[in-house]
């Protein structure tokens, strides 16, 4: 059972570091920049812009 736990731990660590490597790789820079700007692309909650006839903002 201890060997199985060790194997599972090693596989989990490799998967974790693989995901980190993939997320920070150079070919993901454009997608990461785009995702970082998404919150600023949403309309403000208090403004009427884009919320007309929906019952938001008064």
PDB file of N, CA and C in Angstrom:
ATOM      1  N   UNK A   1       0.825  -1.201   0.000  1.00  0.00           N
ATOM      2  CA  UNK A   1       0.000   0.000   0.000  1.00  0.00           C
ATOM      3  C   UNK A   1       0.867   1.262   0.000  1.00  0.00           C
ATOM      4  N   UNK A   2       2.009   1.214   0.674  1.00  0.00           N
ATOM      5  CA  UNK A   2       2.892   2.378   0.732  1.00  0.00           C
ATOM      6  C   UNK A   2       3.459   2.689  -0.648  1.00  0.00           C
ATOM      7  N   UNK A   3       3.745   1.654  -1.419  1.00  0.00           N
ATOM      8  CA  UNK A   3       4.274   1.877  -2.773  1.00  0.00           C
ATOM      9  C   UNK A   3       3.217   2.566  -3.632  1.00  0.00           C
ATOM     10  N   UNK A   4       1.966   2.156  -3.498  1.00  0.00           N
ATOM     11  CA  UNK A   4       0.879   2.773  -4.252  1.00  0.00           C
ATOM     12  C   UNK A   4       0.732   4.246  -3.873  1.00  0.00           C
ATOM     13  N   UNK A   5       0.832   4.553  -2.592  1.00  0.00           N
ATOM     14  CA  UNK A   5       0.762   5.949  -2.143  1.00  0.00           C
ATOM     15  C   UNK A   5       1.914   6.763  -2.732  1.00  0.00           C
ATOM     16  N   UNK A   6       3.106   6.185  -2.747  1.00  0.00           N
ATOM     17  CA  UNK A   6       4.269   6.872  -3.308  1.00  0.00           C
ATOM     18  C   UNK A   6       4.123   7.126  -4.798  1.00  0.00           C
ATOM     19  N   UNK A   7       3.636   6.128  -5.519  1.00  0.00           N
ATOM     20  CA  UNK A   7       3.432   6.270  -6.964  1.00  0.00           C
ATOM     21  C   UNK A   7       2.387   7.344  -7.241  1.00  0.00           C
ATOM     22  N   UNK A   8       1.307   7.327  -6.505  1.00  0.00           N
ATOM     23  CA  UNK A   8       0.257   8.330  -6.678  1.00  0.00           C
ATOM     24  C   UNK A   8       0.794   9.728  -6.369  1.00  0.00           C
ATOM     25  N   UNK A   9       1.611   9.864  -5.348  1.00  0.00           N
ATOM     26  CA  UNK A   9       2.195  11.156  -4.994  1.00  0.00           C
ATOM     27  C   UNK A   9       3.099  11.669  -6.113  1.00  0.00           C
ATOM     28  N   UNK A  10       3.940  10.805  -6.657  1.00  0.00           N
ATOM     29  CA  UNK A  10       4.836  11.204  -7.746  1.00  0.00           C
ATOM     30  C   UNK A  10       4.037  11.611  -8.975  1.00  0.00           C
ATOM     31  N   UNK A  11       3.025  10.848  -9.332  1.00  0.00           N
ATOM     32  CA  UNK A  11       2.184  11.181 -10.488  1.00  0.00           C
ATOM     33  C   UNK A  11       1.480  12.514 -10.273  1.00  0.00           C
ATOM     34  N   UNK A  12       0.972  12.725  -9.071  1.00  0.00           N
ATOM     35  CA  UNK A  12       0.293  13.992  -8.762  1.00  0.00           C
ATOM     36  C   UNK A  12       1.246  15.174  -8.857  1.00  0.00           C
ATOM     37  N   UNK A  13       2.456  15.015  -8.347  1.00  0.00           N
ATOM     38  CA  UNK A  13       3.440  16.094  -8.424  1.00  0.00           C
ATOM     39  C   UNK A  13       3.815  16.394  -9.869  1.00  0.00           C
ATOM     40  N   UNK A  14       4.007  15.356 -10.678  1.00  0.00           N
ATOM     41  CA  UNK A  14       4.335  15.562 -12.086  1.00  0.00           C
ATOM     42  C   UNK A  14       3.204  16.280 -12.823  1.00  0.00           C
ATOM     43  N   UNK A  15       1.981  15.905 -12.533  1.00  0.00           N
ATOM     44  CA  UNK A  15       0.839  16.580 -13.156  1.00  0.00           C
ATOM     45  C   UNK A  15       0.770  18.049 -12.723  1.00  0.00           C
ATOM     46  N   UNK A  16       1.000  18.302 -11.441  1.00  0.00           N
ATOM     47  CA  UNK A  16       0.972  19.676 -10.927  1.00  0.00           C
ATOM     48  C   UNK A  16       2.020  20.536 -11.626  1.00  0.00           C
ATOM     49  N   UNK A  17       3.264  20.052 -11.659  1.00  0.00           N
ATOM     50  CA  UNK A  17       4.325  20.827 -12.288  1.00  0.00           C
ATOM     51  C   UNK A  17       4.126  20.925 -13.800  1.00  0.00           C
ATOM     52  N   UNK A  18       3.511  19.939 -14.414  1.00  0.00           N
ATOM     53  CA  UNK A  18       3.178  20.012 -15.832  1.00  0.00           C
ATOM     54  C   UNK A  18       2.161  21.104 -16.117  1.00  0.00           C
ATOM     55  N   UNK A  19       1.171  21.220 -15.279  1.00  0.00           N
ATOM     56  CA  UNK A  19       0.163  22.271 -15.451  1.00  0.00           C
ATOM     57  C   UNK A  19       0.784  23.639 -15.243  1.00  0.00           C
ATOM     58  N   UNK A  20       1.638  23.776 -14.238  1.00  0.00           N
ATOM     59  CA  UNK A  20       2.327  25.050 -13.999  1.00  0.00           C
ATOM     60  C   UNK A  20       3.183  25.414 -15.211  1.00  0.00           C
ATOM     61  N   UNK A  21       3.931  24.447 -15.735  1.00  0.00           N
ATOM     62  CA  UNK A  21       4.777  24.698 -16.907  1.00  0.00           C
ATOM     63  C   UNK A  21       3.920  25.122 -18.108  1.00  0.00           C
ATOM     64  N   UNK A  22       2.802  24.446 -18.323  1.00  0.00           N
ATOM     65  CA  UNK A  22       1.915  24.764 -19.445  1.00  0.00           C
ATOM     66  C   UNK A  22       1.317  26.169 -19.292  1.00  0.00           C
ATOM     67  N   UNK A  23       0.859  26.501 -18.070  1.00  0.00           N
ATOM     68  CA  UNK A  23       0.201  27.789 -17.839  1.00  0.00           C
ATOM     69  C   UNK A  23       1.163  28.966 -18.022  1.00  0.00           C
ATOM     70  N   UNK A  24       2.420  28.781 -17.690  1.00  0.00           N
ATOM     71  CA  UNK A  24       3.398  29.870 -17.764  1.00  0.00           C
ATOM     72  C   UNK A  24       4.278  29.780 -19.003  1.00  0.00           C
ATOM     73  N   UNK A  25       3.980  28.902 -19.938  1.00  0.00           N
ATOM     74  CA  UNK A  25       4.815  28.773 -21.129  1.00  0.00           C
ATOM     75  C   UNK A  25       4.634  29.987 -22.049  1.00  0.00           C
ATOM     76  N   UNK A  26       5.593  30.196 -22.910  1.00  0.00           N
ATOM     77  CA  UNK A  26       5.611  31.391 -23.765  1.00  0.00           C
ATOM     78  C   UNK A  26       4.442  31.443 -24.739  1.00  0.00           C
ATOM     79  N   UNK A  27       3.969  30.309 -25.207  1.00  0.00           N
ATOM     80  CA  UNK A  27       2.872  30.346 -26.183  1.00  0.00           C
ATOM     81  C   UNK A  27       1.524  30.660 -25.534  1.00  0.00           C
ATOM     82  N   UNK A  28       1.466  30.788 -24.199  1.00  0.00           N
ATOM     83  CA  UNK A  28       0.225  31.132 -23.503  1.00  0.00           C
ATOM     84  C   UNK A  28       0.162  32.613 -23.123  1.00  0.00           C
ATOM     85  N   UNK A  29       1.177  33.399 -23.453  1.00  0.00           N
ATOM     86  CA  UNK A  29       1.237  34.799 -23.024  1.00  0.00           C
ATOM     87  C   UNK A  29       0.032  35.587 -23.536  1.00  0.00           C
ATOM     88  N   UNK A  30      -0.308  35.435 -24.810  1.00  0.00           N
ATOM     89  CA  UNK A  30      -1.433  36.177 -25.387  1.00  0.00           C
ATOM     90  C   UNK A  30      -2.742  35.816 -24.674  1.00  0.00           C
ATOM     91  N   UNK A  31      -2.990  34.538 -24.458  1.00  0.00           N
ATOM     92  CA  UNK A  31      -4.220  34.103 -23.783  1.00  0.00           C
ATOM     93  C   UNK A  31      -4.262  34.594 -22.336  1.00  0.00           C
ATOM     94  N   UNK A  32      -3.118  34.569 -21.652  1.00  0.00           N
ATOM     95  CA  UNK A  32      -3.075  35.045 -20.268  1.00  0.00           C
ATOM     96  C   UNK A  32      -3.331  36.543 -20.192  1.00  0.00           C
ATOM     97  N   UNK A  33      -2.762  37.315 -21.121  1.00  0.00           N
ATOM     98  CA  UNK A  33      -3.017  38.754 -21.153  1.00  0.00           C
ATOM     99  C   UNK A  33      -4.488  39.055 -21.424  1.00  0.00           C
ATOM    100  N   UNK A  34      -5.080  38.316 -22.339  1.00  0.00           N
ATOM    101  CA  UNK A  34      -6.497  38.500 -22.655  1.00  0.00           C
ATOM    102  C   UNK A  34      -7.376  38.171 -21.441  1.00  0.00           C
ATOM    103  N   UNK A  35      -7.061  37.097 -20.758  1.00  0.00           N
ATOM    104  CA  UNK A  35      -7.834  36.712 -19.574  1.00  0.00           C
ATOM    105  C   UNK A  35      -7.661  37.733 -18.447  1.00  0.00           C
ATOM    106  N   UNK A  36      -6.489  38.344 -18.350  1.00  0.00           N
ATOM    107  CA  UNK A  36      -6.250  39.339 -17.315  1.00  0.00           C
ATOM    108  C   UNK A  36      -7.063  40.603 -17.550  1.00  0.00           C
ATOM    109  N   UNK A  37      -7.393  40.898 -18.797  1.00  0.00           N
ATOM    110  CA  UNK A  37      -8.172  42.100 -19.120  1.00  0.00           C
ATOM    111  C   UNK A  37      -9.680  41.888 -19.059  1.00  0.00           C
ATOM    112  N   UNK A  38     -10.144  40.662 -18.948  1.00  0.00           N
ATOM    113  CA  UNK A  38     -11.587  40.385 -18.974  1.00  0.00           C
ATOM    114  C   UNK A  38     -12.391  41.159 -17.918  1.00  0.00           C
ATOM    115  N   UNK A  39     -11.944  41.270 -16.674  1.00  0.00           N
ATOM    116  CA  UNK A  39     -12.764  42.008 -15.699  1.00  0.00           C
ATOM    117  C   UNK A  39     -12.981  43.469 -16.079  1.00  0.00           C
ATOM    118  N   UNK A  40     -12.054  44.047 -16.815  1.00  0.00           N
ATOM    119  CA  UNK A  40     -12.179  45.448 -17.200  1.00  0.00           C
ATOM    120  C   UNK A  40     -13.060  45.623 -18.432  1.00  0.00           C
ATOM    121  N   UNK A  41     -13.391  44.558 -19.115  1.00  0.00           N
ATOM    122  CA  UNK A  41     -14.234  44.636 -20.309  1.00  0.00           C
ATOM    123  C   UNK A  41     -15.717  44.626 -19.947  1.00  0.00           C
ATOM    124  N   UNK A  42     -16.052  44.303 -18.714  1.00  0.00           N
ATOM    125  CA  UNK A  42     -17.443  44.256 -18.287  1.00  0.00           C
ATOM    126  C   UNK A  42     -17.955  45.666 -17.999  1.00  0.00           C
ATOM    127  N   UNK A  43     -19.238  45.928 -18.228  1.00  0.00           N
ATOM    128  CA  UNK A  43     -19.776  47.250 -17.891  1.00  0.00           C
ATOM    129  C   UNK A  43     -19.823  47.428 -16.374  1.00  0.00           C
ATOM    130  N   UNK A  44     -19.746  48.673 -15.952  1.00  0.00           N
ATOM    131  CA  UNK A  44     -19.839  48.969 -14.517  1.00  0.00           C
ATOM    132  C   UNK A  44     -21.225  48.618 -14.001  1.00  0.00           C
ATOM    133  N   UNK A  45     -21.292  48.171 -12.756  1.00  0.00           N
ATOM    134  CA  UNK A  45     -22.572  47.742 -12.191  1.00  0.00           C
ATOM    135  C   UNK A  45     -23.534  48.909 -11.981  1.00  0.00           C
ATOM    136  N   UNK A  46     -23.035  50.079 -11.647  1.00  0.00           N
ATOM    137  CA  UNK A  46     -23.897  51.213 -11.340  1.00  0.00           C
ATOM    138  C   UNK A  46     -24.334  52.005 -12.548  1.00  0.00           C
ATOM    139  N   UNK A  47     -23.777  51.745 -13.711  1.00  0.00           N
ATOM    140  CA  UNK A  47     -24.122  52.548 -14.884  1.00  0.00           C
ATOM    141  C   UNK A  47     -25.329  51.959 -15.607  1.00  0.00           C
ATOM    142  N   UNK A  48     -26.012  52.819 -16.361  1.00  0.00           N
ATOM    143  CA  UNK A  48     -27.157  52.375 -17.153  1.00  0.00           C
ATOM    144  C   UNK A  48     -26.720  51.866 -18.519  1.00  0.00           C
ATOM    145  N   UNK A  49     -25.475  52.050 -18.855  1.00  0.00           N
ATOM    146  CA  UNK A  49     -24.966  51.641 -20.178  1.00  0.00           C
ATOM    147  C   UNK A  49     -25.086  50.133 -20.339  1.00  0.00           C
ATOM    148  N   UNK A  50     -25.856  49.712 -21.295  1.00  0.00           N
ATOM    149  CA  UNK A  50     -26.030  48.293 -21.567  1.00  0.00           C
ATOM    150  C   UNK A  50     -27.070  47.616 -20.694  1.00  0.00           C
ATOM    151  N   UNK A  51     -27.694  48.366 -19.786  1.00  0.00           N
ATOM    152  CA  UNK A  51     -28.672  47.774 -18.870  1.00  0.00           C
ATOM    153  C   UNK A  51     -30.087  48.319 -19.084  1.00  0.00           C
ATOM    154  N   UNK A  52     -30.324  49.001 -20.140  1.00  0.00           N
ATOM    155  CA  UNK A  52     -31.655  49.577 -20.373  1.00  0.00           C
ATOM    156  C   UNK A  52     -32.680  48.464 -20.611  1.00  0.00           C
ATOM    157  N   UNK A  53     -33.881  48.689 -20.134  1.00  0.00           N
ATOM    158  CA  UNK A  53     -35.010  47.766 -20.274  1.00  0.00           C
ATOM    159  C   UNK A  53     -34.753  46.425 -19.608  1.00  0.00           C
ATOM    160  N   UNK A  54     -33.834  46.366 -18.685  1.00  0.00           N
ATOM    161  CA  UNK A  54     -33.579  45.112 -17.978  1.00  0.00           C
ATOM    162  C   UNK A  54     -33.864  45.246 -16.493  1.00  0.00           C
ATOM    163  N   UNK A  55     -34.269  46.431 -16.062  1.00  0.00           N
ATOM    164  CA  UNK A  55     -34.596  46.621 -14.655  1.00  0.00           C
ATOM    165  C   UNK A  55     -33.398  46.911 -13.774  1.00  0.00           C
ATOM    166  N   UNK A  56     -32.221  47.128 -14.357  1.00  0.00           N
ATOM    167  CA  UNK A  56     -31.032  47.434 -13.569  1.00  0.00           C
ATOM    168  C   UNK A  56     -30.808  48.929 -13.549  1.00  0.00           C
ATOM    169  N   UNK A  57     -30.285  49.411 -12.450  1.00  0.00           N
ATOM    170  CA  UNK A  57     -29.951  50.840 -12.359  1.00  0.00           C
ATOM    171  C   UNK A  57     -31.178  51.696 -12.575  1.00  0.00           C
ATOM    172  N   UNK A  58     -31.271  52.762 -11.827  1.00  0.00           N
ATOM    173  CA  UNK A  58     -32.448  53.595 -12.020  1.00  0.00           C
ATOM    174  C   UNK A  58     -32.125  55.041 -12.157  1.00  0.00           C
TER     175      UNK A  58
END
